[in-house]
Amino acid sequence: MQPYEERLTAPRTWWLVSVLVGAAMALILLPFGALPLLGGLVGGTAAAAVVTSAYGSARIRVVAGSLVAGDAKIPVSALGEAEVLNGEEARAWRTHKADPRAFMLLRAYIPTALRVEITDPSDPTPYVYLSTRNPEALAAALDAVRESAP
């Protein structure tokens, strides 16, 4: 069985925005001299880069019979059918079809997703919505774990 792992990294344009935030901070500090300007450029860029990196550090993994998505760890035995969502369907499940009780690891810059039903009757969460660049591979990994279970 091939394990599945994906990191939902921020797009390259967001890193450019981090540099622009640093430039804006430098311009704010321009009246105070060259040293504050340099500090604003470095500090603003670094702070924005930390925020961008933290937002892009979410991981989705299928390991040891569990789906680990962000902070959630769900045994595959508690998961039902997985539905691969293309761009339009993913958008619909993020907006008007969404259930507020659902667990959503959502990244708007990733157009595709996987929706997996929760079959555990004691869990009020109806489904898990996961933004993923490769929903077919994630669904296959979940199926492989489910089939290999005793």
C-alpha atoms as a PDB file:
ATOM      1  CA  MET A   1       0.000   0.000   0.000  1.00  0.00           C
ATOM      2  CA  GLN A   2       1.298   3.427  -0.969  1.00  0.00           C
ATOM      3  CA  PRO A   3       0.847   6.026   1.790  1.00  0.00           C
ATOM      4  CA  TYR A   4      -0.547   9.409   0.823  1.00  0.00           C
ATOM      5  CA  GLU A   5       0.896  12.738   1.900  1.00  0.00           C
ATOM      6  CA  GLU A   6       0.245  16.235   0.604  1.00  0.00           C
ATOM      7  CA  ARG A   7       1.176  19.675   1.862  1.00  0.00           C
ATOM      8  CA  LEU A   8      -1.198  22.450   0.896  1.00  0.00           C
ATOM      9  CA  THR A   9       1.426  25.090   0.165  1.00  0.00           C
ATOM     10  CA  ALA A  10       0.521  28.681  -0.597  1.00  0.00           C
ATOM     11  CA  PRO A  11       0.792  29.749  -4.244  1.00  0.00           C
ATOM     12  CA  ARG A  12       3.865  31.623  -5.477  1.00  0.00           C
ATOM     13  CA  THR A  13       1.958  34.886  -5.857  1.00  0.00           C
ATOM     14  CA  TRP A  14       1.370  34.945  -2.094  1.00  0.00           C
ATOM     15  CA  TRP A  15       5.138  35.042  -1.579  1.00  0.00           C
ATOM     16  CA  LEU A  16       5.272  38.053  -3.874  1.00  0.00           C
ATOM     17  CA  VAL A  17       2.612  39.689  -1.695  1.00  0.00           C
ATOM     18  CA  SER A  18       4.894  39.068   1.301  1.00  0.00           C
ATOM     19  CA  VAL A  19       7.610  41.116  -0.404  1.00  0.00           C
ATOM     20  CA  LEU A  20       5.070  43.837  -1.213  1.00  0.00           C
ATOM     21  CA  VAL A  21       3.998  43.952   2.451  1.00  0.00           C
ATOM     22  CA  GLY A  22       7.651  44.453   3.361  1.00  0.00           C
ATOM     23  CA  ALA A  23       7.956  47.254   0.791  1.00  0.00           C
ATOM     24  CA  ALA A  24       4.838  48.918   2.191  1.00  0.00           C
ATOM     25  CA  MET A  25       6.250  48.708   5.706  1.00  0.00           C
ATOM     26  CA  ALA A  26       9.498  50.239   4.452  1.00  0.00           C
ATOM     27  CA  LEU A  27       7.584  53.142   2.879  1.00  0.00           C
ATOM     28  CA  ILE A  28       5.713  53.721   6.138  1.00  0.00           C
ATOM     29  CA  LEU A  29       9.027  53.995   7.973  1.00  0.00           C
ATOM     30  CA  LEU A  30      10.746  56.099   5.254  1.00  0.00           C
ATOM     31  CA  PRO A  31      10.320  59.427   7.119  1.00  0.00           C
ATOM     32  CA  PHE A  32      12.345  58.046  10.029  1.00  0.00           C
ATOM     33  CA  GLY A  33      15.485  57.384   7.992  1.00  0.00           C
ATOM     34  CA  ALA A  34      17.355  54.676   6.140  1.00  0.00           C
ATOM     35  CA  LEU A  35      17.849  52.264   9.025  1.00  0.00           C
ATOM     36  CA  PRO A  36      14.133  52.105   9.986  1.00  0.00           C
ATOM     37  CA  LEU A  37      13.326  51.790   6.277  1.00  0.00           C
ATOM     38  CA  LEU A  38      15.601  48.751   6.017  1.00  0.00           C
ATOM     39  CA  GLY A  39      14.186  47.313   9.243  1.00  0.00           C
ATOM     40  CA  GLY A  40      10.652  47.784   7.927  1.00  0.00           C
ATOM     41  CA  LEU A  41      11.521  46.047   4.665  1.00  0.00           C
ATOM     42  CA  VAL A  42      13.144  43.073   6.377  1.00  0.00           C
ATOM     43  CA  GLY A  43      10.710  42.868   9.297  1.00  0.00           C
ATOM     44  CA  GLY A  44       7.567  43.360   7.207  1.00  0.00           C
ATOM     45  CA  THR A  45       8.673  40.806   4.626  1.00  0.00           C
ATOM     46  CA  ALA A  46       9.635  38.305   7.331  1.00  0.00           C
ATOM     47  CA  ALA A  47       6.342  38.721   9.225  1.00  0.00           C
ATOM     48  CA  ALA A  48       4.268  38.327   6.055  1.00  0.00           C
ATOM     49  CA  ALA A  49       6.353  35.301   5.013  1.00  0.00           C
ATOM     50  CA  VAL A  50       5.759  33.650   8.403  1.00  0.00           C
ATOM     51  CA  VAL A  51       1.993  34.131   8.022  1.00  0.00           C
ATOM     52  CA  THR A  52       2.071  32.801   4.458  1.00  0.00           C
ATOM     53  CA  SER A  53       4.138  29.791   5.485  1.00  0.00           C
ATOM     54  CA  ALA A  54       1.887  28.993   8.447  1.00  0.00           C
ATOM     55  CA  TYR A  55      -1.235  29.130   6.280  1.00  0.00           C
ATOM     56  CA  GLY A  56       0.434  26.891   3.704  1.00  0.00           C
ATOM     57  CA  SER A  57       1.654  24.314   6.209  1.00  0.00           C
ATOM     58  CA  ALA A  58      -1.554  22.258   6.359  1.00  0.00           C
ATOM     59  CA  ARG A  59      -0.970  18.597   5.561  1.00  0.00           C
ATOM     60  CA  ILE A  60      -3.200  15.749   4.477  1.00  0.00           C
ATOM     61  CA  ARG A  61      -1.917  12.243   5.159  1.00  0.00           C
ATOM     62  CA  VAL A  62      -3.213   8.700   5.160  1.00  0.00           C
ATOM     63  CA  VAL A  63      -1.097   6.803   7.684  1.00  0.00           C
ATOM     64  CA  ALA A  64      -1.588   3.943  10.137  1.00  0.00           C
ATOM     65  CA  GLY A  65      -5.217   3.399   9.200  1.00  0.00           C
ATOM     66  CA  SER A  66      -6.144   7.054   9.748  1.00  0.00           C
ATOM     67  CA  LEU A  67      -6.813  10.151   7.711  1.00  0.00           C
ATOM     68  CA  VAL A  68      -4.826  13.029   9.192  1.00  0.00           C
ATOM     69  CA  ALA A  69      -5.964  16.394   7.858  1.00  0.00           C
ATOM     70  CA  GLY A  70      -4.592  19.440   9.622  1.00  0.00           C
ATOM     71  CA  ASP A  71      -5.326  18.917  13.324  1.00  0.00           C
ATOM     72  CA  ALA A  72      -7.942  16.209  12.746  1.00  0.00           C
ATOM     73  CA  LYS A  73      -7.158  12.503  12.930  1.00  0.00           C
ATOM     74  CA  ILE A  74      -9.983  10.254  11.757  1.00  0.00           C
ATOM     75  CA  PRO A  75      -9.807   6.451  11.607  1.00  0.00           C
ATOM     76  CA  VAL A  76     -10.566   5.190   8.106  1.00  0.00           C
ATOM     77  CA  SER A  77     -13.103   2.810   9.665  1.00  0.00           C
ATOM     78  CA  ALA A  78     -15.223   5.890  10.549  1.00  0.00           C
ATOM     79  CA  LEU A  79     -15.189   7.139   6.958  1.00  0.00           C
ATOM     80  CA  GLY A  80     -17.735   6.346   4.288  1.00  0.00           C
ATOM     81  CA  GLU A  81     -17.714   6.911   0.563  1.00  0.00           C
ATOM     82  CA  ALA A  82     -15.283   9.446  -0.897  1.00  0.00           C
ATOM     83  CA  GLU A  83     -16.498  11.810  -3.611  1.00  0.00           C
ATOM     84  CA  VAL A  84     -14.013  13.516  -5.930  1.00  0.00           C
ATOM     85  CA  LEU A  85     -15.076  17.128  -6.534  1.00  0.00           C
ATOM     86  CA  ASN A  86     -14.032  19.059  -9.625  1.00  0.00           C
ATOM     87  CA  GLY A  87     -13.850  22.863  -9.647  1.00  0.00           C
ATOM     88  CA  GLU A  88     -17.570  23.598  -9.911  1.00  0.00           C
ATOM     89  CA  GLU A  89     -18.658  20.895  -7.457  1.00  0.00           C
ATOM     90  CA  ALA A  90     -15.922  21.874  -5.003  1.00  0.00           C
ATOM     91  CA  ARG A  91     -17.104  25.484  -5.146  1.00  0.00           C
ATOM     92  CA  ALA A  92     -20.690  24.394  -4.541  1.00  0.00           C
ATOM     93  CA  TRP A  93     -19.692  22.317  -1.477  1.00  0.00           C
ATOM     94  CA  ARG A  94     -17.711  25.291  -0.135  1.00  0.00           C
ATOM     95  CA  THR A  95     -20.699  27.622  -0.487  1.00  0.00           C
ATOM     96  CA  HIS A  96     -24.395  26.816  -0.784  1.00  0.00           C
ATOM     97  CA  LYS A  97     -24.171  23.028  -0.246  1.00  0.00           C
ATOM     98  CA  ALA A  98     -21.898  23.329   2.805  1.00  0.00           C
ATOM     99  CA  ASP A  99     -23.028  22.016   6.172  1.00  0.00           C
ATOM    100  CA  PRO A 100     -21.784  24.138   9.090  1.00  0.00           C
ATOM    101  CA  ARG A 101     -21.110  20.965  11.112  1.00  0.00           C
ATOM    102  CA  ALA A 102     -18.663  19.619   8.505  1.00  0.00           C
ATOM    103  CA  PHE A 103     -14.909  19.541   9.021  1.00  0.00           C
ATOM    104  CA  MET A 104     -13.381  21.595   6.234  1.00  0.00           C
ATOM    105  CA  LEU A 105      -9.695  21.852   5.453  1.00  0.00           C
ATOM    106  CA  LEU A 106     -10.283  24.511   2.864  1.00  0.00           C
ATOM    107  CA  ARG A 107      -7.815  26.345   0.682  1.00  0.00           C
ATOM    108  CA  ALA A 108      -9.580  28.560  -1.862  1.00  0.00           C
ATOM    109  CA  TYR A 109      -6.550  28.591  -4.178  1.00  0.00           C
ATOM    110  CA  ILE A 110      -6.882  24.820  -4.743  1.00  0.00           C
ATOM    111  CA  PRO A 111      -9.784  24.227  -7.163  1.00  0.00           C
ATOM    112  CA  THR A 112     -10.351  20.499  -6.535  1.00  0.00           C
ATOM    113  CA  ALA A 113     -11.397  18.684  -3.373  1.00  0.00           C
ATOM    114  CA  LEU A 114     -12.486  15.411  -1.819  1.00  0.00           C
ATOM    115  CA  ARG A 115     -15.627  15.024   0.262  1.00  0.00           C
ATOM    116  CA  VAL A 116     -15.726  11.992   2.543  1.00  0.00           C
ATOM    117  CA  GLU A 117     -18.778  11.002   4.585  1.00  0.00           C
ATOM    118  CA  ILE A 118     -18.390  10.310   8.304  1.00  0.00           C
ATOM    119  CA  THR A 119     -20.199   7.074   9.164  1.00  0.00           C
ATOM    120  CA  ASP A 120     -19.598   7.090  12.928  1.00  0.00           C
ATOM    121  CA  PRO A 121     -23.077   7.549  14.484  1.00  0.00           C
ATOM    122  CA  SER A 122     -21.618   9.187  17.607  1.00  0.00           C
ATOM    123  CA  ASP A 123     -19.884  11.900  15.554  1.00  0.00           C
ATOM    124  CA  PRO A 124     -22.114  14.869  14.632  1.00  0.00           C
ATOM    125  CA  THR A 125     -19.805  15.779  11.732  1.00  0.00           C
ATOM    126  CA  PRO A 126     -21.582  14.750   8.506  1.00  0.00           C
ATOM    127  CA  TYR A 127     -18.561  14.823   6.214  1.00  0.00           C
ATOM    128  CA  VAL A 128     -14.967  15.931   5.750  1.00  0.00           C
ATOM    129  CA  TYR A 129     -14.181  18.407   2.970  1.00  0.00           C
ATOM    130  CA  LEU A 130     -10.518  18.458   1.969  1.00  0.00           C
ATOM    131  CA  SER A 131      -8.998  20.804  -0.584  1.00  0.00           C
ATOM    132  CA  THR A 132      -6.465  18.684  -2.445  1.00  0.00           C
ATOM    133  CA  ARG A 133      -4.557  18.951  -5.687  1.00  0.00           C
ATOM    134  CA  ASN A 134      -4.937  15.213  -6.310  1.00  0.00           C
ATOM    135  CA  PRO A 135      -8.345  14.030  -5.049  1.00  0.00           C
ATOM    136  CA  GLU A 136      -8.223  10.785  -7.051  1.00  0.00           C
ATOM    137  CA  ALA A 137      -4.994   9.677  -5.355  1.00  0.00           C
ATOM    138  CA  LEU A 138      -6.346  10.567  -1.909  1.00  0.00           C
ATOM    139  CA  ALA A 139      -9.547   8.596  -2.567  1.00  0.00           C
ATOM    140  CA  ALA A 140      -7.468   5.649  -3.813  1.00  0.00           C
ATOM    141  CA  ALA A 141      -5.290   5.769  -0.683  1.00  0.00           C
ATOM    142  CA  LEU A 142      -8.382   5.729   1.552  1.00  0.00           C
ATOM    143  CA  ASP A 143      -9.817   2.794  -0.435  1.00  0.00           C
ATOM    144  CA  ALA A 144      -6.509   0.910  -0.167  1.00  0.00           C
ATOM    145  CA  VAL A 145      -6.442   1.329   3.616  1.00  0.00           C
ATOM    146  CA  ARG A 146     -10.090   0.295   3.860  1.00  0.00           C
ATOM    147  CA  GLU A 147      -9.450  -2.860   1.765  1.00  0.00           C
ATOM    148  CA  SER A 148      -6.342  -3.842   3.726  1.00  0.00           C
ATOM    149  CA  ALA A 149      -8.127  -3.594   7.084  1.00  0.00           C
ATOM    150  CA  PRO A 150      -8.843  -6.983   8.693  1.00  0.00           C
END
